[in-house]
Amino acid sequence: MKIMKREERPLQPVHMEGAVKVSVSKMVAESDGAPTAAMRLFEIEPGGNTPWHAHGWEHVIFGVAGRGALKSENGNAEFGPGDALLVDPDEQHNFVNVGDEPLKFICVVPLAGDK
């Protein structure tokens, strides 16, 4: 067993083309001994968004704070605290802050998606 403290996992800016005002904190990673999955905490400032992208693994998302929109090739849906979302493998998508406070969500992916 291992416990990772939020205050010991600072937010880092996301430096991907198309990322606007996005930061991530790797809460559970392979370096922590995780055998199959990683958990990240994303924060998107008002007016920000993740890049439009797709990849070969699913995202399992849980809304923590703020208001967001999951935009995908299959449609758009707003979400907030307490909402769970599933983005299928190879589905084009991005996350957009649609509110006036930081959007925070937990994202769980296979270790291959946390590189």
PDB file of N, CA and C in Angstrom:
ATOM      1  N   MET A   1       0.844  -1.180   0.000  1.00  0.00           N
ATOM      2  CA  MET A   1       0.000   0.000   0.000  1.00  0.00           C
ATOM      3  C   MET A   1       0.888   1.241   0.000  1.00  0.00           C
ATOM      4  N   LYS A   2       0.394   2.273  -0.675  1.00  0.00           N
ATOM      5  CA  LYS A   2       1.118   3.536  -0.718  1.00  0.00           C
ATOM      6  C   LYS A   2       0.089   4.667  -0.763  1.00  0.00           C
ATOM      7  N   ILE A   3       0.336   5.737  -0.039  1.00  0.00           N
ATOM      8  CA  ILE A   3      -0.549   6.903  -0.048  1.00  0.00           C
ATOM      9  C   ILE A   3       0.230   8.083  -0.608  1.00  0.00           C
ATOM     10  N   MET A   4      -0.339   8.715  -1.634  1.00  0.00           N
ATOM     11  CA  MET A   4       0.266   9.888  -2.251  1.00  0.00           C
ATOM     12  C   MET A   4      -0.539  11.116  -1.808  1.00  0.00           C
ATOM     13  N   LYS A   5       0.119  12.113  -1.288  1.00  0.00           N
ATOM     14  CA  LYS A   5      -0.531  13.328  -0.803  1.00  0.00           C
ATOM     15  C   LYS A   5      -0.626  14.356  -1.929  1.00  0.00           C
ATOM     16  N   ARG A   6      -1.791  14.975  -2.048  1.00  0.00           N
ATOM     17  CA  ARG A   6      -2.015  15.975  -3.093  1.00  0.00           C
ATOM     18  C   ARG A   6      -0.961  17.075  -3.034  1.00  0.00           C
ATOM     19  N   GLU A   7      -0.642  17.551  -1.836  1.00  0.00           N
ATOM     20  CA  GLU A   7       0.309  18.655  -1.709  1.00  0.00           C
ATOM     21  C   GLU A   7       1.728  18.263  -2.120  1.00  0.00           C
ATOM     22  N   GLU A   8       1.987  16.971  -2.252  1.00  0.00           N
ATOM     23  CA  GLU A   8       3.306  16.501  -2.693  1.00  0.00           C
ATOM     24  C   GLU A   8       3.363  16.261  -4.195  1.00  0.00           C
ATOM     25  N   ARG A   9       2.245  16.503  -4.874  1.00  0.00           N
ATOM     26  CA  ARG A   9       2.146  16.276  -6.325  1.00  0.00           C
ATOM     27  C   ARG A   9       1.728  17.582  -6.999  1.00  0.00           C
ATOM     28  N   PRO A  10       2.670  18.500  -7.209  1.00  0.00           N
ATOM     29  CA  PRO A  10       2.302  19.814  -7.759  1.00  0.00           C
ATOM     30  C   PRO A  10       1.779  19.716  -9.192  1.00  0.00           C
ATOM     31  N   LEU A  11       0.906  20.649  -9.523  1.00  0.00           N
ATOM     32  CA  LEU A  11       0.416  20.765 -10.892  1.00  0.00           C
ATOM     33  C   LEU A  11       1.556  21.210 -11.797  1.00  0.00           C
ATOM     34  N   GLN A  12       1.616  20.613 -12.975  1.00  0.00           N
ATOM     35  CA  GLN A  12       2.611  20.967 -13.983  1.00  0.00           C
ATOM     36  C   GLN A  12       1.883  21.387 -15.256  1.00  0.00           C
ATOM     37  N   PRO A  13       2.339  22.432 -15.935  1.00  0.00           N
ATOM     38  CA  PRO A  13       1.683  22.832 -17.180  1.00  0.00           C
ATOM     39  C   PRO A  13       1.762  21.712 -18.223  1.00  0.00           C
ATOM     40  N   VAL A  14       0.697  21.583 -19.003  1.00  0.00           N
ATOM     41  CA  VAL A  14       0.672  20.628 -20.108  1.00  0.00           C
ATOM     42  C   VAL A  14       1.212  21.336 -21.341  1.00  0.00           C
ATOM     43  N   HIS A  15       2.284  20.800 -21.912  1.00  0.00           N
ATOM     44  CA  HIS A  15       2.931  21.417 -23.081  1.00  0.00           C
ATOM     45  C   HIS A  15       2.672  20.572 -24.321  1.00  0.00           C
ATOM     46  N   MET A  16       1.417  20.522 -24.733  1.00  0.00           N
ATOM     47  CA  MET A  16       1.035  19.835 -25.962  1.00  0.00           C
ATOM     48  C   MET A  16       0.434  20.878 -26.894  1.00  0.00           C
ATOM     49  N   GLU A  17       0.688  20.738 -28.181  1.00  0.00           N
ATOM     50  CA  GLU A  17       0.088  21.654 -29.136  1.00  0.00           C
ATOM     51  C   GLU A  17      -1.429  21.608 -29.000  1.00  0.00           C
ATOM     52  N   GLY A  18      -2.044  22.765 -28.839  1.00  0.00           N
ATOM     53  CA  GLY A  18      -3.487  22.854 -28.686  1.00  0.00           C
ATOM     54  C   GLY A  18      -3.962  22.919 -27.251  1.00  0.00           C
ATOM     55  N   ALA A  19      -3.075  22.663 -26.287  1.00  0.00           N
ATOM     56  CA  ALA A  19      -3.454  22.772 -24.870  1.00  0.00           C
ATOM     57  C   ALA A  19      -3.413  24.242 -24.462  1.00  0.00           C
ATOM     58  N   VAL A  20      -4.504  24.709 -23.847  1.00  0.00           N
ATOM     59  CA  VAL A  20      -4.620  26.102 -23.420  1.00  0.00           C
ATOM     60  C   VAL A  20      -5.003  26.122 -21.946  1.00  0.00           C
ATOM     61  N   LYS A  21      -4.129  26.678 -21.106  1.00  0.00           N
ATOM     62  CA  LYS A  21      -4.397  26.850 -19.677  1.00  0.00           C
ATOM     63  C   LYS A  21      -4.702  25.516 -18.987  1.00  0.00           C
ATOM     64  N   VAL A  22      -3.917  24.478 -19.299  1.00  0.00           N
ATOM     65  CA  VAL A  22      -4.124  23.138 -18.736  1.00  0.00           C
ATOM     66  C   VAL A  22      -2.917  22.746 -17.891  1.00  0.00           C
ATOM     67  N   SER A  23      -3.185  22.198 -16.697  1.00  0.00           N
ATOM     68  CA  SER A  23      -2.139  21.662 -15.827  1.00  0.00           C
ATOM     69  C   SER A  23      -2.556  20.267 -15.381  1.00  0.00           C
ATOM     70  N   VAL A  24      -1.557  19.465 -15.009  1.00  0.00           N
ATOM     71  CA  VAL A  24      -1.834  18.105 -14.554  1.00  0.00           C
ATOM     72  C   VAL A  24      -0.928  17.757 -13.381  1.00  0.00           C
ATOM     73  N   SER A  25      -1.465  16.970 -12.467  1.00  0.00           N
ATOM     74  CA  SER A  25      -0.706  16.424 -11.364  1.00  0.00           C
ATOM     75  C   SER A  25      -0.823  14.909 -11.449  1.00  0.00           C
ATOM     76  N   LYS A  26       0.315  14.229 -11.545  1.00  0.00           N
ATOM     77  CA  LYS A  26       0.304  12.768 -11.605  1.00  0.00           C
ATOM     78  C   LYS A  26       0.176  12.243 -10.184  1.00  0.00           C
ATOM     79  N   MET A  27      -1.025  11.828  -9.834  1.00  0.00           N
ATOM     80  CA  MET A  27      -1.305  11.385  -8.467  1.00  0.00           C
ATOM     81  C   MET A  27      -0.856   9.954  -8.214  1.00  0.00           C
ATOM     82  N   VAL A  28      -1.039   9.062  -9.184  1.00  0.00           N
ATOM     83  CA  VAL A  28      -0.568   7.684  -9.101  1.00  0.00           C
ATOM     84  C   VAL A  28       0.051   7.353 -10.448  1.00  0.00           C
ATOM     85  N   ALA A  29       1.304   6.916 -10.426  1.00  0.00           N
ATOM     86  CA  ALA A  29       2.031   6.665 -11.668  1.00  0.00           C
ATOM     87  C   ALA A  29       2.806   5.355 -11.569  1.00  0.00           C
ATOM     88  N   GLU A  30       3.356   4.958 -12.687  1.00  0.00           N
ATOM     89  CA  GLU A  30       4.172   3.751 -12.715  1.00  0.00           C
ATOM     90  C   GLU A  30       5.320   3.852 -11.713  1.00  0.00           C
ATOM     91  N   SER A  31       5.883   5.049 -11.567  1.00  0.00           N
ATOM     92  CA  SER A  31       6.987   5.247 -10.626  1.00  0.00           C
ATOM     93  C   SER A  31       6.577   5.025  -9.166  1.00  0.00           C
ATOM     94  N   ASP A  32       5.264   5.031  -8.904  1.00  0.00           N
ATOM     95  CA  ASP A  32       4.757   4.741  -7.562  1.00  0.00           C
ATOM     96  C   ASP A  32       4.543   3.244  -7.352  1.00  0.00           C
ATOM     97  N   GLY A  33       4.774   2.467  -8.418  1.00  0.00           N
ATOM     98  CA  GLY A  33       4.562   1.031  -8.331  1.00  0.00           C
ATOM     99  C   GLY A  33       3.223   0.577  -8.877  1.00  0.00           C
ATOM    100  N   ALA A  34       2.472   1.493  -9.504  1.00  0.00           N
ATOM    101  CA  ALA A  34       1.181   1.109 -10.079  1.00  0.00           C
ATOM    102  C   ALA A  34       1.411   0.082 -11.189  1.00  0.00           C
ATOM    103  N   PRO A  35       0.747  -1.079 -11.131  1.00  0.00           N
ATOM    104  CA  PRO A  35       1.018  -2.125 -12.105  1.00  0.00           C
ATOM    105  C   PRO A  35       0.305  -1.966 -13.441  1.00  0.00           C
ATOM    106  N   THR A  36      -0.876  -1.288 -13.473  1.00  0.00           N
ATOM    107  CA  THR A  36      -1.631  -1.257 -14.728  1.00  0.00           C
ATOM    108  C   THR A  36      -2.235   0.094 -15.095  1.00  0.00           C
ATOM    109  N   ALA A  37      -2.501   0.963 -14.103  1.00  0.00           N
ATOM    110  CA  ALA A  37      -3.219   2.207 -14.391  1.00  0.00           C
ATOM    111  C   ALA A  37      -2.576   3.391 -13.690  1.00  0.00           C
ATOM    112  N   ALA A  38      -2.802   4.564 -14.273  1.00  0.00           N
ATOM    113  CA  ALA A  38      -2.327   5.823 -13.703  1.00  0.00           C
ATOM    114  C   ALA A  38      -3.534   6.716 -13.418  1.00  0.00           C
ATOM    115  N   MET A  39      -3.405   7.556 -12.387  1.00  0.00           N
ATOM    116  CA  MET A  39      -4.455   8.509 -12.057  1.00  0.00           C
ATOM    117  C   MET A  39      -3.845   9.904 -12.049  1.00  0.00           C
ATOM    118  N   ARG A  40      -4.473  10.783 -12.825  1.00  0.00           N
ATOM    119  CA  ARG A  40      -3.994  12.168 -12.911  1.00  0.00           C
ATOM    120  C   ARG A  40      -5.110  13.117 -12.500  1.00  0.00           C
ATOM    121  N   LEU A  41      -4.741  14.250 -11.926  1.00  0.00           N
ATOM    122  CA  LEU A  41      -5.677  15.316 -11.610  1.00  0.00           C
ATOM    123  C   LEU A  41      -5.406  16.447 -12.591  1.00  0.00           C
ATOM    124  N   PHE A  42      -6.391  16.754 -13.427  1.00  0.00           N
ATOM    125  CA  PHE A  42      -6.261  17.845 -14.385  1.00  0.00           C
ATOM    126  C   PHE A  42      -6.943  19.085 -13.849  1.00  0.00           C
ATOM    127  N   GLU A  43      -6.374  20.240 -14.186  1.00  0.00           N
ATOM    128  CA  GLU A  43      -6.983  21.521 -13.874  1.00  0.00           C
ATOM    129  C   GLU A  43      -6.917  22.374 -15.128  1.00  0.00           C
ATOM    130  N   ILE A  44      -8.086  22.871 -15.552  1.00  0.00           N
ATOM    131  CA  ILE A  44      -8.176  23.730 -16.735  1.00  0.00           C
ATOM    132  C   ILE A  44      -8.768  25.058 -16.288  1.00  0.00           C
ATOM    133  N   GLU A  45      -8.032  26.111 -16.517  1.00  0.00           N
ATOM    134  CA  GLU A  45      -8.485  27.452 -16.129  1.00  0.00           C
ATOM    135  C   GLU A  45      -9.620  27.910 -17.040  1.00  0.00           C
ATOM    136  N   PRO A  46     -10.435  28.884 -16.591  1.00  0.00           N
ATOM    137  CA  PRO A  46     -11.490  29.421 -17.452  1.00  0.00           C
ATOM    138  C   PRO A  46     -10.917  29.843 -18.809  1.00  0.00           C
ATOM    139  N   GLY A  47     -11.619  29.483 -19.870  1.00  0.00           N
ATOM    140  CA  GLY A  47     -11.166  29.787 -21.225  1.00  0.00           C
ATOM    141  C   GLY A  47     -10.180  28.774 -21.776  1.00  0.00           C
ATOM    142  N   GLY A  48      -9.866  27.747 -20.995  1.00  0.00           N
ATOM    143  CA  GLY A  48      -8.870  26.756 -21.417  1.00  0.00           C
ATOM    144  C   GLY A  48      -9.482  25.477 -21.953  1.00  0.00           C
ATOM    145  N   ASN A  49      -8.620  24.667 -22.565  1.00  0.00           N
ATOM    146  CA  ASN A  49      -9.043  23.384 -23.126  1.00  0.00           C
ATOM    147  C   ASN A  49      -7.847  22.465 -23.351  1.00  0.00           C
ATOM    148  N   THR A  50      -8.122  21.170 -23.381  1.00  0.00           N
ATOM    149  CA  THR A  50      -7.107  20.205 -23.791  1.00  0.00           C
ATOM    150  C   THR A  50      -7.089  20.153 -25.313  1.00  0.00           C
ATOM    151  N   PRO A  51      -6.052  19.593 -25.912  1.00  0.00           N
ATOM    152  CA  PRO A  51      -6.009  19.489 -27.362  1.00  0.00           C
ATOM    153  C   PRO A  51      -7.084  18.530 -27.893  1.00  0.00           C
ATOM    154  N   TRP A  52      -7.478  18.714 -29.129  1.00  0.00           N
ATOM    155  CA  TRP A  52      -8.332  17.762 -29.837  1.00  0.00           C
ATOM    156  C   TRP A  52      -7.430  16.583 -30.200  1.00  0.00           C
ATOM    157  N   HIS A  53      -7.758  15.384 -29.712  1.00  0.00           N
ATOM    158  CA  HIS A  53      -6.861  14.261 -29.903  1.00  0.00           C
ATOM    159  C   HIS A  53      -7.596  12.928 -29.752  1.00  0.00           C
ATOM    160  N   ALA A  54      -6.906  11.867 -30.086  1.00  0.00           N
ATOM    161  CA  ALA A  54      -7.388  10.499 -29.883  1.00  0.00           C
ATOM    162  C   ALA A  54      -6.190   9.621 -29.568  1.00  0.00           C
ATOM    163  N   HIS A  55      -6.449   8.481 -28.942  1.00  0.00           N
ATOM    164  CA  HIS A  55      -5.388   7.533 -28.608  1.00  0.00           C
ATOM    165  C   HIS A  55      -6.018   6.168 -28.406  1.00  0.00           C
ATOM    166  N   GLY A  56      -5.212   5.146 -28.310  1.00  0.00           N
ATOM    167  CA  GLY A  56      -5.690   3.777 -28.290  1.00  0.00           C
ATOM    168  C   GLY A  56      -6.146   3.254 -26.946  1.00  0.00           C
ATOM    169  N   TRP A  57      -6.395   4.103 -25.980  1.00  0.00           N
ATOM    170  CA  TRP A  57      -6.854   3.657 -24.660  1.00  0.00           C
ATOM    171  C   TRP A  57      -8.013   4.530 -24.214  1.00  0.00           C
ATOM    172  N   GLU A  58      -8.779   4.012 -23.262  1.00  0.00           N
ATOM    173  CA  GLU A  58      -9.912   4.749 -22.726  1.00  0.00           C
ATOM    174  C   GLU A  58      -9.452   5.757 -21.679  1.00  0.00           C
ATOM    175  N   HIS A  59     -10.295   6.772 -21.463  1.00  0.00           N
ATOM    176  CA  HIS A  59     -10.181   7.684 -20.325  1.00  0.00           C
ATOM    177  C   HIS A  59     -11.361   7.367 -19.407  1.00  0.00           C
ATOM    178  N   VAL A  60     -11.108   7.252 -18.128  1.00  0.00           N
ATOM    179  CA  VAL A  60     -12.166   7.184 -17.133  1.00  0.00           C
ATOM    180  C   VAL A  60     -12.045   8.470 -16.326  1.00  0.00           C
ATOM    181  N   ILE A  61     -13.092   9.283 -16.332  1.00  0.00           N
ATOM    182  CA  ILE A  61     -13.047  10.646 -15.800  1.00  0.00           C
ATOM    183  C   ILE A  61     -14.034  10.791 -14.648  1.00  0.00           C
ATOM    184  N   PHE A  62     -13.640  11.576 -13.630  1.00  0.00           N
ATOM    185  CA  PHE A  62     -14.551  11.929 -12.543  1.00  0.00           C
ATOM    186  C   PHE A  62     -14.423  13.419 -12.278  1.00  0.00           C
ATOM    187  N   GLY A  63     -15.529  14.159 -12.409  1.00  0.00           N
ATOM    188  CA  GLY A  63     -15.527  15.598 -12.180  1.00  0.00           C
ATOM    189  C   GLY A  63     -15.371  15.928 -10.706  1.00  0.00           C
ATOM    190  N   VAL A  64     -14.480  16.882 -10.409  1.00  0.00           N
ATOM    191  CA  VAL A  64     -14.195  17.274  -9.025  1.00  0.00           C
ATOM    192  C   VAL A  64     -14.706  18.684  -8.732  1.00  0.00           C
ATOM    193  N   ALA A  65     -14.470  19.638  -9.645  1.00  0.00           N
ATOM    194  CA  ALA A  65     -14.878  21.030  -9.417  1.00  0.00           C
ATOM    195  C   ALA A  65     -15.045  21.731 -10.759  1.00  0.00           C
ATOM    196  N   GLY A  66     -15.881  22.764 -10.781  1.00  0.00           N
ATOM    197  CA  GLY A  66     -16.065  23.556 -11.986  1.00  0.00           C
ATOM    198  C   GLY A  66     -17.035  22.914 -12.959  1.00  0.00           C
ATOM    199  N   ARG A  67     -17.150  23.543 -14.139  1.00  0.00           N
ATOM    200  CA  ARG A  67     -18.039  23.065 -15.198  1.00  0.00           C
ATOM    201  C   ARG A  67     -17.215  22.846 -16.447  1.00  0.00           C
ATOM    202  N   GLY A  68     -17.421  21.683 -17.062  1.00  0.00           N
ATOM    203  CA  GLY A  68     -16.671  21.358 -18.263  1.00  0.00           C
ATOM    204  C   GLY A  68     -17.571  20.814 -19.347  1.00  0.00           C
ATOM    205  N   ALA A  69     -17.009  20.730 -20.530  1.00  0.00           N
ATOM    206  CA  ALA A  69     -17.666  20.065 -21.651  1.00  0.00           C
ATOM    207  C   ALA A  69     -16.692  19.045 -22.209  1.00  0.00           C
ATOM    208  N   LEU A  70     -17.185  17.844 -22.394  1.00  0.00           N
ATOM    209  CA  LEU A  70     -16.452  16.826 -23.133  1.00  0.00           C
ATOM    210  C   LEU A  70     -16.963  16.924 -24.553  1.00  0.00           C
ATOM    211  N   LYS A  71     -16.082  17.279 -25.462  1.00  0.00           N
ATOM    212  CA  LYS A  71     -16.440  17.372 -26.875  1.00  0.00           C
ATOM    213  C   LYS A  71     -15.809  16.193 -27.581  1.00  0.00           C
ATOM    214  N   SER A  72     -16.603  15.508 -28.383  1.00  0.00           N
ATOM    215  CA  SER A  72     -16.065  14.347 -29.081  1.00  0.00           C
ATOM    216  C   SER A  72     -16.695  14.218 -30.454  1.00  0.00           C
ATOM    217  N   GLU A  73     -16.121  13.341 -31.241  1.00  0.00           N
ATOM    218  CA  GLU A  73     -16.667  13.079 -32.567  1.00  0.00           C
ATOM    219  C   GLU A  73     -18.069  12.494 -32.469  1.00  0.00           C
ATOM    220  N   ASN A  74     -18.466  12.039 -31.288  1.00  0.00           N
ATOM    221  CA  ASN A  74     -19.789  11.438 -31.080  1.00  0.00           C
ATOM    222  C   ASN A  74     -20.775  12.388 -30.415  1.00  0.00           C
ATOM    223  N   GLY A  75     -20.386  13.659 -30.242  1.00  0.00           N
ATOM    224  CA  GLY A  75     -21.265  14.642 -29.627  1.00  0.00           C
ATOM    225  C   GLY A  75     -20.582  15.347 -28.479  1.00  0.00           C
ATOM    226  N   ASN A  76     -21.317  16.267 -27.868  1.00  0.00           N
ATOM    227  CA  ASN A  76     -20.793  17.065 -26.763  1.00  0.00           C
ATOM    228  C   ASN A  76     -21.673  16.885 -25.537  1.00  0.00           C
ATOM    229  N   ALA A  77     -21.066  16.925 -24.350  1.00  0.00           N
ATOM    230  CA  ALA A  77     -21.829  16.802 -23.105  1.00  0.00           C
ATOM    231  C   ALA A  77     -21.155  17.621 -22.022  1.00  0.00           C
ATOM    232  N   GLU A  78     -21.954  18.378 -21.272  1.00  0.00           N
ATOM    233  CA  GLU A  78     -21.417  19.123 -20.140  1.00  0.00           C
ATOM    234  C   GLU A  78     -21.367  18.220 -18.915  1.00  0.00           C
ATOM    235  N   PHE A  79     -20.409  18.510 -18.024  1.00  0.00           N
ATOM    236  CA  PHE A  79     -20.258  17.732 -16.799  1.00  0.00           C
ATOM    237  C   PHE A  79     -19.757  18.618 -15.678  1.00  0.00           C
ATOM    238  N   GLY A  80     -19.901  18.115 -14.469  1.00  0.00           N
ATOM    239  CA  GLY A  80     -19.460  18.859 -13.295  1.00  0.00           C
ATOM    240  C   GLY A  80     -19.101  17.912 -12.163  1.00  0.00           C
ATOM    241  N   PRO A  81     -18.970  18.454 -10.969  1.00  0.00           N
ATOM    242  CA  PRO A  81     -18.579  17.638  -9.818  1.00  0.00           C
ATOM    243  C   PRO A  81     -19.532  16.456  -9.615  1.00  0.00           C
ATOM    244  N   GLY A  82     -18.946  15.290  -9.412  1.00  0.00           N
ATOM    245  CA  GLY A  82     -19.733  14.093  -9.172  1.00  0.00           C
ATOM    246  C   GLY A  82     -20.120  13.319 -10.409  1.00  0.00           C
ATOM    247  N   ASP A  83     -19.857  13.869 -11.590  1.00  0.00           N
ATOM    248  CA  ASP A  83     -20.173  13.167 -12.833  1.00  0.00           C
ATOM    249  C   ASP A  83     -19.006  12.287 -13.250  1.00  0.00           C
ATOM    250  N   ALA A  84     -19.329  11.098 -13.766  1.00  0.00           N
ATOM    251  CA  ALA A  84     -18.320  10.177 -14.293  1.00  0.00           C
ATOM    252  C   ALA A  84     -18.500  10.080 -15.801  1.00  0.00           C
ATOM    253  N   LEU A  85     -17.375  10.003 -16.519  1.00  0.00           N
ATOM    254  CA  LEU A  85     -17.407   9.948 -17.974  1.00  0.00           C
ATOM    255  C   LEU A  85     -16.486   8.851 -18.461  1.00  0.00           C
ATOM    256  N   LEU A  86     -16.806   8.296 -19.611  1.00  0.00           N
ATOM    257  CA  LEU A  86     -15.955   7.319 -20.264  1.00  0.00           C
ATOM    258  C   LEU A  86     -15.722   7.781 -21.689  1.00  0.00           C
ATOM    259  N   VAL A  87     -14.451   7.935 -22.058  1.00  0.00           N
ATOM    260  CA  VAL A  87     -14.076   8.233 -23.434  1.00  0.00           C
ATOM    261  C   VAL A  87     -13.485   6.954 -23.999  1.00  0.00           C
ATOM    262  N   ASP A  88     -14.083   6.459 -25.078  1.00  0.00           N
ATOM    263  CA  ASP A  88     -13.650   5.196 -25.665  1.00  0.00           C
ATOM    264  C   ASP A  88     -12.296   5.307 -26.353  1.00  0.00           C
ATOM    265  N   PRO A  89     -11.580   4.190 -26.484  1.00  0.00           N
ATOM    266  CA  PRO A  89     -10.325   4.199 -27.239  1.00  0.00           C
ATOM    267  C   PRO A  89     -10.564   4.701 -28.667  1.00  0.00           C
ATOM    268  N   ASP A  90      -9.623   5.472 -29.177  1.00  0.00           N
ATOM    269  CA  ASP A  90      -9.628   5.996 -30.549  1.00  0.00           C
ATOM    270  C   ASP A  90     -10.735   7.015 -30.828  1.00  0.00           C
ATOM    271  N   GLU A  91     -11.442   7.477 -29.812  1.00  0.00           N
ATOM    272  CA  GLU A  91     -12.478   8.497 -29.992  1.00  0.00           C
ATOM    273  C   GLU A  91     -11.832   9.886 -29.950  1.00  0.00           C
ATOM    274  N   GLN A  92     -11.980  10.675 -31.008  1.00  0.00           N
ATOM    275  CA  GLN A  92     -11.467  12.044 -31.031  1.00  0.00           C
ATOM    276  C   GLN A  92     -12.225  12.852 -29.978  1.00  0.00           C
ATOM    277  N   HIS A  93     -11.483  13.628 -29.156  1.00  0.00           N
ATOM    278  CA  HIS A  93     -12.128  14.349 -28.070  1.00  0.00           C
ATOM    279  C   HIS A  93     -11.244  15.463 -27.529  1.00  0.00           C
ATOM    280  N   ASN A  94     -11.863  16.331 -26.728  1.00  0.00           N
ATOM    281  CA  ASN A  94     -11.137  17.254 -25.867  1.00  0.00           C
ATOM    282  C   ASN A  94     -12.036  17.689 -24.722  1.00  0.00           C
ATOM    283  N   PHE A  95     -11.427  18.323 -23.732  1.00  0.00           N
ATOM    284  CA  PHE A  95     -12.140  18.829 -22.566  1.00  0.00           C
ATOM    285  C   PHE A  95     -12.006  20.343 -22.560  1.00  0.00           C
ATOM    286  N   VAL A  96     -13.114  21.031 -22.286  1.00  0.00           N
ATOM    287  CA  VAL A  96     -13.162  22.485 -22.325  1.00  0.00           C
ATOM    288  C   VAL A  96     -13.760  22.996 -21.019  1.00  0.00           C
ATOM    289  N   ASN A  97     -13.131  24.005 -20.428  1.00  0.00           N
ATOM    290  CA  ASN A  97     -13.714  24.663 -19.263  1.00  0.00           C
ATOM    291  C   ASN A  97     -14.795  25.612 -19.778  1.00  0.00           C
ATOM    292  N   VAL A  98     -16.052  25.385 -19.369  1.00  0.00           N
ATOM    293  CA  VAL A  98     -17.161  26.225 -19.817  1.00  0.00           C
ATOM    294  C   VAL A  98     -17.680  27.114 -18.693  1.00  0.00           C
ATOM    295  N   GLY A  99     -16.963  27.146 -17.578  1.00  0.00           N
ATOM    296  CA  GLY A  99     -17.380  27.944 -16.432  1.00  0.00           C
ATOM    297  C   GLY A  99     -16.443  29.098 -16.162  1.00  0.00           C
ATOM    298  N   ASP A 100     -16.632  29.724 -14.997  1.00  0.00           N
ATOM    299  CA  ASP A 100     -15.805  30.878 -14.630  1.00  0.00           C
ATOM    300  C   ASP A 100     -14.893  30.574 -13.447  1.00  0.00           C
ATOM    301  N   GLU A 101     -14.713  29.296 -13.139  1.00  0.00           N
ATOM    302  CA  GLU A 101     -13.764  28.864 -12.111  1.00  0.00           C
ATOM    303  C   GLU A 101     -12.976  27.686 -12.683  1.00  0.00           C
ATOM    304  N   PRO A 102     -11.868  27.304 -12.059  1.00  0.00           N
ATOM    305  CA  PRO A 102     -11.092  26.182 -12.596  1.00  0.00           C
ATOM    306  C   PRO A 102     -11.923  24.899 -12.691  1.00  0.00           C
ATOM    307  N   LEU A 103     -11.766  24.201 -13.793  1.00  0.00           N
ATOM    308  CA  LEU A 103     -12.347  22.876 -13.988  1.00  0.00           C
ATOM    309  C   LEU A 103     -11.325  21.866 -13.493  1.00  0.00           C
ATOM    310  N   LYS A 104     -11.737  20.989 -12.567  1.00  0.00           N
ATOM    311  CA  LYS A 104     -10.835  19.970 -12.041  1.00  0.00           C
ATOM    312  C   LYS A 104     -11.485  18.612 -12.236  1.00  0.00           C
ATOM    313  N   PHE A 105     -10.716  17.667 -12.778  1.00  0.00           N
ATOM    314  CA  PHE A 105     -11.232  16.317 -12.924  1.00  0.00           C
ATOM    315  C   PHE A 105     -10.115  15.302 -12.792  1.00  0.00           C
ATOM    316  N   ILE A 106     -10.498  14.132 -12.320  1.00  0.00           N
ATOM    317  CA  ILE A 106      -9.577  12.999 -12.203  1.00  0.00           C
ATOM    318  C   ILE A 106      -9.690  12.191 -13.485  1.00  0.00           C
ATOM    319  N   CYS A 107      -8.557  11.747 -13.984  1.00  0.00           N
ATOM    320  CA  CYS A 107      -8.506  10.961 -15.213  1.00  0.00           C
ATOM    321  C   CYS A 107      -7.672   9.706 -14.933  1.00  0.00           C
ATOM    322  N   VAL A 108      -8.267   8.540 -15.159  1.00  0.00           N
ATOM    323  CA  VAL A 108      -7.579   7.274 -14.981  1.00  0.00           C
ATOM    324  C   VAL A 108      -7.364   6.650 -16.363  1.00  0.00           C
ATOM    325  N   VAL A 109      -6.124   6.264 -16.642  1.00  0.00           N
ATOM    326  CA  VAL A 109      -5.756   5.663 -17.922  1.00  0.00           C
ATOM    327  C   VAL A 109      -4.815   4.480 -17.677  1.00  0.00           C
ATOM    328  N   PRO A 110      -4.708   3.578 -18.649  1.00  0.00           N
ATOM    329  CA  PRO A 110      -3.664   2.555 -18.548  1.00  0.00           C
ATOM    330  C   PRO A 110      -2.297   3.231 -18.497  1.00  0.00           C
ATOM    331  N   LEU A 111      -1.311   2.545 -17.949  1.00  0.00           N
ATOM    332  CA  LEU A 111       0.033   3.132 -17.853  1.00  0.00           C
ATOM    333  C   LEU A 111       0.549   3.617 -19.199  1.00  0.00           C
ATOM    334  N   ALA A 112       0.206   2.939 -20.287  1.00  0.00           N
ATOM    335  CA  ALA A 112       0.656   3.367 -21.616  1.00  0.00           C
ATOM    336  C   ALA A 112       0.181   4.774 -21.950  1.00  0.00           C
ATOM    337  N   GLY A 113      -0.934   5.211 -21.348  1.00  0.00           N
ATOM    338  CA  GLY A 113      -1.468   6.535 -21.603  1.00  0.00           C
ATOM    339  C   GLY A 113      -0.893   7.613 -20.718  1.00  0.00           C
ATOM    340  N   ASP A 114       0.050   7.276 -19.875  1.00  0.00           N
ATOM    341  CA  ASP A 114       0.609   8.238 -18.925  1.00  0.00           C
ATOM    342  C   ASP A 114       2.072   8.541 -19.232  1.00  0.00           C
ATOM    343  N   LYS A 115       2.484   8.379 -20.451  1.00  0.00           N
ATOM    344  CA  LYS A 115       3.879   8.615 -20.825  1.00  0.00           C
ATOM    345  C   LYS A 115       4.100  10.055 -21.185  1.00  0.00           C
TER     346      LYS A 115
END
